[in-house]
């Protein structure tokens, strides 16, 4: 949450793989709320 009243919720999945660092995850979900507006995005 921010002092301006915004809120942000992140959900990021992880898929294991690679020999030294985790790979890109296949999906993330973002929910962003500003005052009475709620936006949900998937990327």
ModelCIF file with pLDDT and N, C-alpha, C, O atoms, coordinates in Angstrom:
data_MODEL
#
_entry.id   MODEL 
#
_entity.id                         1 
_entity.type                       polymer 
_entity.pdbx_number_of_molecules   1 
#
_entity_poly.entity_id                      1 
_entity_poly.type                           'polypeptide(L)' 
_entity_poly.nstd_linkage                   no 
_entity_poly.nstd_monomer                   no 
_entity_poly.pdbx_seq_one_letter_code       
;(UNK)(UNK)(UNK)(UNK)(UNK)(UNK)(UNK)(UNK)(UNK)(UNK)(UNK)(UNK)(UNK)(UNK)(UNK)(UNK)
(UNK)(UNK)(UNK)(UNK)(UNK)(UNK)(UNK)(UNK)(UNK)(UNK)(UNK)(UNK)(UNK)(UNK)(UNK)(UNK)
(UNK)(UNK)(UNK)(UNK)(UNK)(UNK)(UNK)(UNK)(UNK)(UNK)(UNK)
;
_entity_poly.pdbx_seq_one_letter_code_can   XXXXXXXXXXXXXXXXXXXXXXXXXXXXXXXXXXXXXXXXXXX 
_entity_poly.pdbx_strand_id                 A 
#
loop_
_entity_poly_seq.entity_id 
_entity_poly_seq.num 
_entity_poly_seq.mon_id 
_entity_poly_seq.hetero 
1 1  UNK n 
1 2  UNK n 
1 3  UNK n 
1 4  UNK n 
1 5  UNK n 
1 6  UNK n 
1 7  UNK n 
1 8  UNK n 
1 9  UNK n 
1 10 UNK n 
1 11 UNK n 
1 12 UNK n 
1 13 UNK n 
1 14 UNK n 
1 15 UNK n 
1 16 UNK n 
1 17 UNK n 
1 18 UNK n 
1 19 UNK n 
1 20 UNK n 
1 21 UNK n 
1 22 UNK n 
1 23 UNK n 
1 24 UNK n 
1 25 UNK n 
1 26 UNK n 
1 27 UNK n 
1 28 UNK n 
1 29 UNK n 
1 30 UNK n 
1 31 UNK n 
1 32 UNK n 
1 33 UNK n 
1 34 UNK n 
1 35 UNK n 
1 36 UNK n 
1 37 UNK n 
1 38 UNK n 
1 39 UNK n 
1 40 UNK n 
1 41 UNK n 
1 42 UNK n 
1 43 UNK n 
#
_struct_asym.id          A 
_struct_asym.entity_id   1 
#
loop_
_ma_qa_metric.id 
_ma_qa_metric.mode 
_ma_qa_metric.name 
_ma_qa_metric.software_group_id 
_ma_qa_metric.type 
1 global pLDDT . pLDDT 
2 local  pLDDT . pLDDT 
#
_ma_qa_metric_global.metric_id      1 
_ma_qa_metric_global.metric_value   62.86 
_ma_qa_metric_global.model_id       1 
_ma_qa_metric_global.ordinal_id     1 
#
loop_
_ma_qa_metric_local.label_asym_id 
_ma_qa_metric_local.label_comp_id 
_ma_qa_metric_local.label_seq_id 
_ma_qa_metric_local.metric_id 
_ma_qa_metric_local.metric_value 
_ma_qa_metric_local.model_id 
_ma_qa_metric_local.ordinal_id 
A UNK 1  2 94.00 1 1  
A UNK 2  2 93.00 1 2  
A UNK 3  2 93.00 1 3  
A UNK 4  2 89.00 1 4  
A UNK 5  2 89.00 1 5  
A UNK 6  2 90.00 1 6  
A UNK 7  2 91.00 1 7  
A UNK 8  2 92.00 1 8  
A UNK 9  2 91.00 1 9  
A UNK 10 2 91.00 1 10 
A UNK 11 2 89.00 1 11 
A UNK 12 2 87.00 1 12 
A UNK 13 2 83.00 1 13 
A UNK 14 2 74.00 1 14 
A UNK 15 2 62.00 1 15 
A UNK 16 2 56.00 1 16 
A UNK 17 2 48.00 1 17 
A UNK 18 2 43.00 1 18 
A UNK 19 2 38.00 1 19 
A UNK 20 2 39.00 1 20 
A UNK 21 2 41.00 1 21 
A UNK 22 2 42.00 1 22 
A UNK 23 2 39.00 1 23 
A UNK 24 2 36.00 1 24 
A UNK 25 2 45.00 1 25 
A UNK 26 2 37.00 1 26 
A UNK 27 2 53.00 1 27 
A UNK 28 2 58.00 1 28 
A UNK 29 2 64.00 1 29 
A UNK 30 2 66.00 1 30 
A UNK 31 2 69.00 1 31 
A UNK 32 2 66.00 1 32 
A UNK 33 2 67.00 1 33 
A UNK 34 2 61.00 1 34 
A UNK 35 2 47.00 1 35 
A UNK 36 2 40.00 1 36 
A UNK 37 2 44.00 1 37 
A UNK 38 2 44.00 1 38 
A UNK 39 2 49.00 1 39 
A UNK 40 2 50.00 1 40 
A UNK 41 2 51.00 1 41 
A UNK 42 2 52.00 1 42 
A UNK 43 2 50.00 1 43 
#
loop_
_atom_site.group_PDB 
_atom_site.id 
_atom_site.type_symbol 
_atom_site.label_atom_id 
_atom_site.label_alt_id 
_atom_site.label_comp_id 
_atom_site.label_asym_id 
_atom_site.label_entity_id 
_atom_site.label_seq_id 
_atom_site.pdbx_PDB_ins_code 
_atom_site.Cartn_x 
_atom_site.Cartn_y 
_atom_site.Cartn_z 
_atom_site.occupancy 
_atom_site.B_iso_or_equiv 
_atom_site.pdbx_formal_charge 
_atom_site.auth_seq_id 
_atom_site.auth_comp_id 
_atom_site.auth_asym_id 
_atom_site.auth_atom_id 
_atom_site.pdbx_PDB_model_num 
ATOM 1   N N  . UNK A 1 1  ? 0.849   -1.182  0.000   1.00 94.00 ? 1  UNK A N  1 
ATOM 2   C CA . UNK A 1 1  ? 0.000   0.000   0.000   1.00 94.00 ? 1  UNK A CA 1 
ATOM 3   C C  . UNK A 1 1  ? 0.887   1.236   0.000   1.00 94.00 ? 1  UNK A C  1 
ATOM 4   O O  . UNK A 1 1  ? 2.009   1.209   0.507   1.00 94.00 ? 1  UNK A O  1 
ATOM 5   N N  . UNK A 1 2  ? 0.372   2.322   -0.575  1.00 93.00 ? 2  UNK A N  1 
ATOM 6   C CA . UNK A 1 2  ? 1.114   3.571   -0.635  1.00 93.00 ? 2  UNK A CA 1 
ATOM 7   C C  . UNK A 1 2  ? 0.445   4.622   0.234   1.00 93.00 ? 2  UNK A C  1 
ATOM 8   O O  . UNK A 1 2  ? -0.731  4.479   0.568   1.00 93.00 ? 2  UNK A O  1 
ATOM 9   N N  . UNK A 1 3  ? 1.169   5.682   0.613   1.00 93.00 ? 3  UNK A N  1 
ATOM 10  C CA . UNK A 1 3  ? 0.548   6.758   1.391   1.00 93.00 ? 3  UNK A CA 1 
ATOM 11  C C  . UNK A 1 3  ? -0.563  7.464   0.634   1.00 93.00 ? 3  UNK A C  1 
ATOM 12  O O  . UNK A 1 3  ? -1.403  8.114   1.256   1.00 93.00 ? 3  UNK A O  1 
ATOM 13  N N  . UNK A 1 4  ? -0.595  7.359   -0.692  1.00 89.00 ? 4  UNK A N  1 
ATOM 14  C CA . UNK A 1 4  ? -1.612  8.008   -1.501  1.00 89.00 ? 4  UNK A CA 1 
ATOM 15  C C  . UNK A 1 4  ? -2.910  7.191   -1.599  1.00 89.00 ? 4  UNK A C  1 
ATOM 16  O O  . UNK A 1 4  ? -3.851  7.598   -2.280  1.00 89.00 ? 4  UNK A O  1 
ATOM 17  N N  . UNK A 1 5  ? -2.954  6.038   -0.915  1.00 89.00 ? 5  UNK A N  1 
ATOM 18  C CA . UNK A 1 5  ? -4.159  5.230   -0.925  1.00 89.00 ? 5  UNK A CA 1 
ATOM 19  C C  . UNK A 1 5  ? -4.205  4.175   -2.007  1.00 89.00 ? 5  UNK A C  1 
ATOM 20  O O  . UNK A 1 5  ? -5.232  3.518   -2.174  1.00 89.00 ? 5  UNK A O  1 
ATOM 21  N N  . UNK A 1 6  ? -3.132  3.994   -2.742  1.00 90.00 ? 6  UNK A N  1 
ATOM 22  C CA . UNK A 1 6  ? -3.064  2.941   -3.747  1.00 90.00 ? 6  UNK A CA 1 
ATOM 23  C C  . UNK A 1 6  ? -2.677  1.616   -3.092  1.00 90.00 ? 6  UNK A C  1 
ATOM 24  O O  . UNK A 1 6  ? -2.006  1.598   -2.060  1.00 90.00 ? 6  UNK A O  1 
ATOM 25  N N  . UNK A 1 7  ? -3.097  0.531   -3.686  1.00 91.00 ? 7  UNK A N  1 
ATOM 26  C CA . UNK A 1 7  ? -2.656  -0.794  -3.236  1.00 91.00 ? 7  UNK A CA 1 
ATOM 27  C C  . UNK A 1 7  ? -2.287  -1.624  -4.450  1.00 91.00 ? 7  UNK A C  1 
ATOM 28  O O  . UNK A 1 7  ? -2.848  -1.455  -5.533  1.00 91.00 ? 7  UNK A O  1 
ATOM 29  N N  . UNK A 1 8  ? -1.347  -2.511  -4.254  1.00 92.00 ? 8  UNK A N  1 
ATOM 30  C CA . UNK A 1 8  ? -0.847  -3.350  -5.343  1.00 92.00 ? 8  UNK A CA 1 
ATOM 31  C C  . UNK A 1 8  ? -0.657  -4.755  -4.813  1.00 92.00 ? 8  UNK A C  1 
ATOM 32  O O  . UNK A 1 8  ? -0.020  -4.949  -3.778  1.00 92.00 ? 8  UNK A O  1 
ATOM 33  N N  . UNK A 1 9  ? -1.199  -5.728  -5.509  1.00 91.00 ? 9  UNK A N  1 
ATOM 34  C CA . UNK A 1 9  ? -1.034  -7.137  -5.129  1.00 91.00 ? 9  UNK A CA 1 
ATOM 35  C C  . UNK A 1 9  ? -0.413  -7.899  -6.290  1.00 91.00 ? 9  UNK A C  1 
ATOM 36  O O  . UNK A 1 9  ? -0.903  -7.840  -7.418  1.00 91.00 ? 9  UNK A O  1 
ATOM 37  N N  . UNK A 1 10 ? 0.678   -8.619  -6.001  1.00 91.00 ? 10 UNK A N  1 
ATOM 38  C CA . UNK A 1 10 ? 1.414   -9.371  -7.007  1.00 91.00 ? 10 UNK A CA 1 
ATOM 39  C C  . UNK A 1 10 ? 1.368   -10.847 -6.659  1.00 91.00 ? 10 UNK A C  1 
ATOM 40  O O  . UNK A 1 10 ? 1.531   -11.225 -5.499  1.00 91.00 ? 10 UNK A O  1 
ATOM 41  N N  . UNK A 1 11 ? 1.147   -11.672 -7.658  1.00 89.00 ? 11 UNK A N  1 
ATOM 42  C CA . UNK A 1 11 ? 1.262   -13.130 -7.526  1.00 89.00 ? 11 UNK A CA 1 
ATOM 43  C C  . UNK A 1 11 ? 2.117   -13.603 -8.687  1.00 89.00 ? 11 UNK A C  1 
ATOM 44  O O  . UNK A 1 11 ? 1.721   -13.466 -9.845  1.00 89.00 ? 11 UNK A O  1 
ATOM 45  N N  . UNK A 1 12 ? 3.279   -14.155 -8.395  1.00 87.00 ? 12 UNK A N  1 
ATOM 46  C CA . UNK A 1 12 ? 4.204   -14.605 -9.440  1.00 87.00 ? 12 UNK A CA 1 
ATOM 47  C C  . UNK A 1 12 ? 4.511   -16.079 -9.236  1.00 87.00 ? 12 UNK A C  1 
ATOM 48  O O  . UNK A 1 12 ? 4.913   -16.491 -8.148  1.00 87.00 ? 12 UNK A O  1 
ATOM 49  N N  . UNK A 1 13 ? 4.323   -16.865 -10.277 1.00 83.00 ? 13 UNK A N  1 
ATOM 50  C CA . UNK A 1 13 ? 4.640   -18.281 -10.232 1.00 83.00 ? 13 UNK A CA 1 
ATOM 51  C C  . UNK A 1 13 ? 6.088   -18.504 -10.642 1.00 83.00 ? 13 UNK A C  1 
ATOM 52  O O  . UNK A 1 13 ? 6.672   -17.712 -11.381 1.00 83.00 ? 13 UNK A O  1 
ATOM 53  N N  . UNK A 1 14 ? 6.641   -19.580 -10.156 1.00 74.00 ? 14 UNK A N  1 
ATOM 54  C CA . UNK A 1 14 ? 8.005   -19.955 -10.506 1.00 74.00 ? 14 UNK A CA 1 
ATOM 55  C C  . UNK A 1 14 ? 8.016   -21.363 -11.080 1.00 74.00 ? 14 UNK A C  1 
ATOM 56  O O  . UNK A 1 14 ? 7.360   -22.274 -10.575 1.00 74.00 ? 14 UNK A O  1 
ATOM 57  N N  . UNK A 1 15 ? 8.793   -21.511 -12.165 1.00 62.00 ? 15 UNK A N  1 
ATOM 58  C CA . UNK A 1 15 ? 8.992   -22.825 -12.757 1.00 62.00 ? 15 UNK A CA 1 
ATOM 59  C C  . UNK A 1 15 ? 10.464  -23.154 -12.659 1.00 62.00 ? 15 UNK A C  1 
ATOM 60  O O  . UNK A 1 15 ? 11.300  -22.420 -13.186 1.00 62.00 ? 15 UNK A O  1 
ATOM 61  N N  . UNK A 1 16 ? 10.795  -24.249 -11.992 1.00 56.00 ? 16 UNK A N  1 
ATOM 62  C CA . UNK A 1 16 ? 12.194  -24.597 -11.793 1.00 56.00 ? 16 UNK A CA 1 
ATOM 63  C C  . UNK A 1 16 ? 12.867  -24.976 -13.103 1.00 56.00 ? 16 UNK A C  1 
ATOM 64  O O  . UNK A 1 16 ? 12.230  -25.445 -14.046 1.00 56.00 ? 16 UNK A O  1 
ATOM 65  N N  . UNK A 1 17 ? 14.193  -24.753 -13.128 1.00 48.00 ? 17 UNK A N  1 
ATOM 66  C CA . UNK A 1 17 ? 14.969  -25.106 -14.308 1.00 48.00 ? 17 UNK A CA 1 
ATOM 67  C C  . UNK A 1 17 ? 16.241  -24.316 -14.340 1.00 48.00 ? 17 UNK A C  1 
ATOM 68  O O  . UNK A 1 17 ? 16.370  -23.320 -13.629 1.00 48.00 ? 17 UNK A O  1 
ATOM 69  N N  . UNK A 1 18 ? 17.197  -24.741 -15.159 1.00 43.00 ? 18 UNK A N  1 
ATOM 70  C CA . UNK A 1 18 ? 18.456  -24.022 -15.251 1.00 43.00 ? 18 UNK A CA 1 
ATOM 71  C C  . UNK A 1 18 ? 19.436  -24.507 -14.222 1.00 43.00 ? 18 UNK A C  1 
ATOM 72  O O  . UNK A 1 18 ? 19.070  -25.109 -13.212 1.00 43.00 ? 18 UNK A O  1 
ATOM 73  N N  . UNK A 1 19 ? 20.709  -24.229 -14.503 1.00 38.00 ? 19 UNK A N  1 
ATOM 74  C CA . UNK A 1 19 ? 21.768  -24.761 -13.646 1.00 38.00 ? 19 UNK A CA 1 
ATOM 75  C C  . UNK A 1 19 ? 22.252  -23.781 -12.610 1.00 38.00 ? 19 UNK A C  1 
ATOM 76  O O  . UNK A 1 19 ? 22.909  -24.189 -11.652 1.00 38.00 ? 19 UNK A O  1 
ATOM 77  N N  . UNK A 1 20 ? 21.950  -22.476 -12.760 1.00 39.00 ? 20 UNK A N  1 
ATOM 78  C CA . UNK A 1 20 ? 22.515  -21.528 -11.809 1.00 39.00 ? 20 UNK A CA 1 
ATOM 79  C C  . UNK A 1 20 ? 21.524  -20.472 -11.332 1.00 39.00 ? 20 UNK A C  1 
ATOM 80  O O  . UNK A 1 20 ? 21.687  -19.952 -10.228 1.00 39.00 ? 20 UNK A O  1 
ATOM 81  N N  . UNK A 1 21 ? 20.511  -20.136 -12.114 1.00 41.00 ? 21 UNK A N  1 
ATOM 82  C CA . UNK A 1 21 ? 19.549  -19.129 -11.708 1.00 41.00 ? 21 UNK A CA 1 
ATOM 83  C C  . UNK A 1 21 ? 18.158  -19.574 -12.130 1.00 41.00 ? 21 UNK A C  1 
ATOM 84  O O  . UNK A 1 21 ? 17.999  -20.221 -13.165 1.00 41.00 ? 21 UNK A O  1 
ATOM 85  N N  . UNK A 1 22 ? 17.137  -19.226 -11.323 1.00 42.00 ? 22 UNK A N  1 
ATOM 86  C CA . UNK A 1 22 ? 15.783  -19.626 -11.702 1.00 42.00 ? 22 UNK A CA 1 
ATOM 87  C C  . UNK A 1 22 ? 15.373  -18.988 -13.014 1.00 42.00 ? 22 UNK A C  1 
ATOM 88  O O  . UNK A 1 22 ? 15.829  -17.888 -13.325 1.00 42.00 ? 22 UNK A O  1 
ATOM 89  N N  . UNK A 1 23 ? 14.521  -19.650 -13.799 1.00 39.00 ? 23 UNK A N  1 
ATOM 90  C CA . UNK A 1 23 ? 14.090  -19.097 -15.083 1.00 39.00 ? 23 UNK A CA 1 
ATOM 91  C C  . UNK A 1 23 ? 12.970  -18.102 -14.903 1.00 39.00 ? 23 UNK A C  1 
ATOM 92  O O  . UNK A 1 23 ? 12.521  -17.848 -13.785 1.00 39.00 ? 23 UNK A O  1 
ATOM 93  N N  . UNK A 1 24 ? 12.523  -17.539 -16.010 1.00 36.00 ? 24 UNK A N  1 
ATOM 94  C CA . UNK A 1 24 ? 11.339  -16.714 -15.978 1.00 36.00 ? 24 UNK A CA 1 
ATOM 95  C C  . UNK A 1 24 ? 10.146  -17.570 -15.581 1.00 36.00 ? 24 UNK A C  1 
ATOM 96  O O  . UNK A 1 24 ? 10.027  -18.717 -16.012 1.00 36.00 ? 24 UNK A O  1 
ATOM 97  N N  . UNK A 1 25 ? 9.282   -17.023 -14.778 1.00 45.00 ? 25 UNK A N  1 
ATOM 98  C CA . UNK A 1 25 ? 8.083   -17.747 -14.402 1.00 45.00 ? 25 UNK A CA 1 
ATOM 99  C C  . UNK A 1 25 ? 7.055   -17.647 -15.527 1.00 45.00 ? 25 UNK A C  1 
ATOM 100 O O  . UNK A 1 25 ? 7.079   -16.682 -16.291 1.00 45.00 ? 25 UNK A O  1 
ATOM 101 N N  . UNK A 1 26 ? 6.157   -18.619 -15.645 1.00 37.00 ? 26 UNK A N  1 
ATOM 102 C CA . UNK A 1 26 ? 5.223   -18.618 -16.751 1.00 37.00 ? 26 UNK A CA 1 
ATOM 103 C C  . UNK A 1 26 ? 4.073   -17.635 -16.599 1.00 37.00 ? 26 UNK A C  1 
ATOM 104 O O  . UNK A 1 26 ? 3.425   -17.315 -17.595 1.00 37.00 ? 26 UNK A O  1 
ATOM 105 N N  . UNK A 1 27 ? 3.791   -17.141 -15.391 1.00 53.00 ? 27 UNK A N  1 
ATOM 106 C CA . UNK A 1 27 ? 2.623   -16.287 -15.235 1.00 53.00 ? 27 UNK A CA 1 
ATOM 107 C C  . UNK A 1 27 ? 2.779   -15.394 -14.021 1.00 53.00 ? 27 UNK A C  1 
ATOM 108 O O  . UNK A 1 27 ? 3.377   -15.789 -13.020 1.00 53.00 ? 27 UNK A O  1 
ATOM 109 N N  . UNK A 1 28 ? 2.248   -14.208 -14.113 1.00 58.00 ? 28 UNK A N  1 
ATOM 110 C CA . UNK A 1 28 ? 2.093   -13.381 -12.934 1.00 58.00 ? 28 UNK A CA 1 
ATOM 111 C C  . UNK A 1 28 ? 0.770   -12.655 -13.029 1.00 58.00 ? 28 UNK A C  1 
ATOM 112 O O  . UNK A 1 28 ? 0.271   -12.385 -14.122 1.00 58.00 ? 28 UNK A O  1 
ATOM 113 N N  . UNK A 1 29 ? 0.206   -12.342 -11.877 1.00 64.00 ? 29 UNK A N  1 
ATOM 114 C CA . UNK A 1 29 ? -1.037  -11.606 -11.811 1.00 64.00 ? 29 UNK A CA 1 
ATOM 115 C C  . UNK A 1 29 ? -0.821  -10.363 -10.976 1.00 64.00 ? 29 UNK A C  1 
ATOM 116 O O  . UNK A 1 29 ? -0.192  -10.415 -9.919  1.00 64.00 ? 29 UNK A O  1 
ATOM 117 N N  . UNK A 1 30 ? -1.344  -9.246  -11.451 1.00 66.00 ? 30 UNK A N  1 
ATOM 118 C CA . UNK A 1 30 ? -1.213  -7.976  -10.752 1.00 66.00 ? 30 UNK A CA 1 
ATOM 119 C C  . UNK A 1 30 ? -2.595  -7.397  -10.530 1.00 66.00 ? 30 UNK A C  1 
ATOM 120 O O  . UNK A 1 30 ? -3.383  -7.300  -11.470 1.00 66.00 ? 30 UNK A O  1 
ATOM 121 N N  . UNK A 1 31 ? -2.901  -7.012  -9.305  1.00 69.00 ? 31 UNK A N  1 
ATOM 122 C CA . UNK A 1 31 ? -4.136  -6.296  -9.008  1.00 69.00 ? 31 UNK A CA 1 
ATOM 123 C C  . UNK A 1 31 ? -3.752  -4.949  -8.419  1.00 69.00 ? 31 UNK A C  1 
ATOM 124 O O  . UNK A 1 31 ? -3.081  -4.877  -7.390  1.00 69.00 ? 31 UNK A O  1 
ATOM 125 N N  . UNK A 1 32 ? -4.178  -3.895  -9.073  1.00 66.00 ? 32 UNK A N  1 
ATOM 126 C CA . UNK A 1 32 ? -3.800  -2.541  -8.669  1.00 66.00 ? 32 UNK A CA 1 
ATOM 127 C C  . UNK A 1 32 ? -5.050  -1.750  -8.356  1.00 66.00 ? 32 UNK A C  1 
ATOM 128 O O  . UNK A 1 32 ? -5.955  -1.660  -9.185  1.00 66.00 ? 32 UNK A O  1 
ATOM 129 N N  . UNK A 1 33 ? -5.109  -1.174  -7.165  1.00 67.00 ? 33 UNK A N  1 
ATOM 130 C CA . UNK A 1 33 ? -6.291  -0.447  -6.728  1.00 67.00 ? 33 UNK A CA 1 
ATOM 131 C C  . UNK A 1 33 ? -5.900  0.987   -6.416  1.00 67.00 ? 33 UNK A C  1 
ATOM 132 O O  . UNK A 1 33 ? -4.992  1.240   -5.625  1.00 67.00 ? 33 UNK A O  1 
ATOM 133 N N  . UNK A 1 34 ? -6.598  1.924   -7.048  1.00 61.00 ? 34 UNK A N  1 
ATOM 134 C CA . UNK A 1 34 ? -6.413  3.340   -6.762  1.00 61.00 ? 34 UNK A CA 1 
ATOM 135 C C  . UNK A 1 34 ? -7.759  3.925   -6.382  1.00 61.00 ? 34 UNK A C  1 
ATOM 136 O O  . UNK A 1 34 ? -8.650  4.075   -7.218  1.00 61.00 ? 34 UNK A O  1 
ATOM 137 N N  . UNK A 1 35 ? -7.893  4.255   -5.098  1.00 47.00 ? 35 UNK A N  1 
ATOM 138 C CA . UNK A 1 35 ? -9.156  4.737   -4.548  1.00 47.00 ? 35 UNK A CA 1 
ATOM 139 C C  . UNK A 1 35 ? -10.239 3.686   -4.826  1.00 47.00 ? 35 UNK A C  1 
ATOM 140 O O  . UNK A 1 35 ? -10.199 2.607   -4.235  1.00 47.00 ? 35 UNK A O  1 
ATOM 141 N N  . UNK A 1 36 ? -11.202 3.972   -5.707  1.00 40.00 ? 36 UNK A N  1 
ATOM 142 C CA . UNK A 1 36 ? -12.283 3.015   -5.931  1.00 40.00 ? 36 UNK A CA 1 
ATOM 143 C C  . UNK A 1 36 ? -12.119 2.240   -7.226  1.00 40.00 ? 36 UNK A C  1 
ATOM 144 O O  . UNK A 1 36 ? -13.021 1.503   -7.625  1.00 40.00 ? 36 UNK A O  1 
ATOM 145 N N  . UNK A 1 37 ? -10.964 2.400   -7.897  1.00 44.00 ? 37 UNK A N  1 
ATOM 146 C CA . UNK A 1 37 ? -10.743 1.740   -9.181  1.00 44.00 ? 37 UNK A CA 1 
ATOM 147 C C  . UNK A 1 37 ? -9.849  0.525   -8.993  1.00 44.00 ? 37 UNK A C  1 
ATOM 148 O O  . UNK A 1 37 ? -8.784  0.625   -8.383  1.00 44.00 ? 37 UNK A O  1 
ATOM 149 N N  . UNK A 1 38 ? -10.263 -0.596  -9.500  1.00 44.00 ? 38 UNK A N  1 
ATOM 150 C CA . UNK A 1 38 ? -9.478  -1.827  -9.406  1.00 44.00 ? 38 UNK A CA 1 
ATOM 151 C C  . UNK A 1 38 ? -9.167  -2.324  -10.804 1.00 44.00 ? 38 UNK A C  1 
ATOM 152 O O  . UNK A 1 38 ? -10.068 -2.522  -11.619 1.00 44.00 ? 38 UNK A O  1 
ATOM 153 N N  . UNK A 1 39 ? -7.896  -2.524  -11.074 1.00 49.00 ? 39 UNK A N  1 
ATOM 154 C CA . UNK A 1 39 ? -7.476  -3.053  -12.371 1.00 49.00 ? 39 UNK A CA 1 
ATOM 155 C C  . UNK A 1 39 ? -6.733  -4.355  -12.146 1.00 49.00 ? 39 UNK A C  1 
ATOM 156 O O  . UNK A 1 39 ? -5.835  -4.417  -11.306 1.00 49.00 ? 39 UNK A O  1 
ATOM 157 N N  . UNK A 1 40 ? -7.086  -5.381  -12.872 1.00 50.00 ? 40 UNK A N  1 
ATOM 158 C CA . UNK A 1 40 ? -6.397  -6.666  -12.789 1.00 50.00 ? 40 UNK A CA 1 
ATOM 159 C C  . UNK A 1 40 ? -5.749  -6.958  -14.126 1.00 50.00 ? 40 UNK A C  1 
ATOM 160 O O  . UNK A 1 40 ? -6.390  -6.869  -15.173 1.00 50.00 ? 40 UNK A O  1 
ATOM 161 N N  . UNK A 1 41 ? -4.479  -7.306  -14.084 1.00 51.00 ? 41 UNK A N  1 
ATOM 162 C CA . UNK A 1 41 ? -3.723  -7.543  -15.296 1.00 51.00 ? 41 UNK A CA 1 
ATOM 163 C C  . UNK A 1 41 ? -2.967  -8.861  -15.162 1.00 51.00 ? 41 UNK A C  1 
ATOM 164 O O  . UNK A 1 41 ? -2.500  -9.206  -14.076 1.00 51.00 ? 41 UNK A O  1 
ATOM 165 N N  . UNK A 1 42 ? -2.851  -9.577  -16.238 1.00 52.00 ? 42 UNK A N  1 
ATOM 166 C CA . UNK A 1 42 ? -2.042  -10.787 -16.249 1.00 52.00 ? 42 UNK A CA 1 
ATOM 167 C C  . UNK A 1 42 ? -0.915  -10.607 -17.255 1.00 52.00 ? 42 UNK A C  1 
ATOM 168 O O  . UNK A 1 42 ? -1.125  -10.099 -18.357 1.00 52.00 ? 42 UNK A O  1 
ATOM 169 N N  . UNK A 1 43 ? 0.274   -11.028 -16.867 1.00 50.00 ? 43 UNK A N  1 
ATOM 170 C CA . UNK A 1 43 ? 1.405   -10.872 -17.768 1.00 50.00 ? 43 UNK A CA 1 
ATOM 171 C C  . UNK A 1 43 ? 2.463   -11.917 -17.505 1.00 50.00 ? 43 UNK A C  1 
ATOM 172 O O  . UNK A 1 43 ? 3.494   -11.935 -18.177 1.00 50.00 ? 43 UNK A O  1 
#
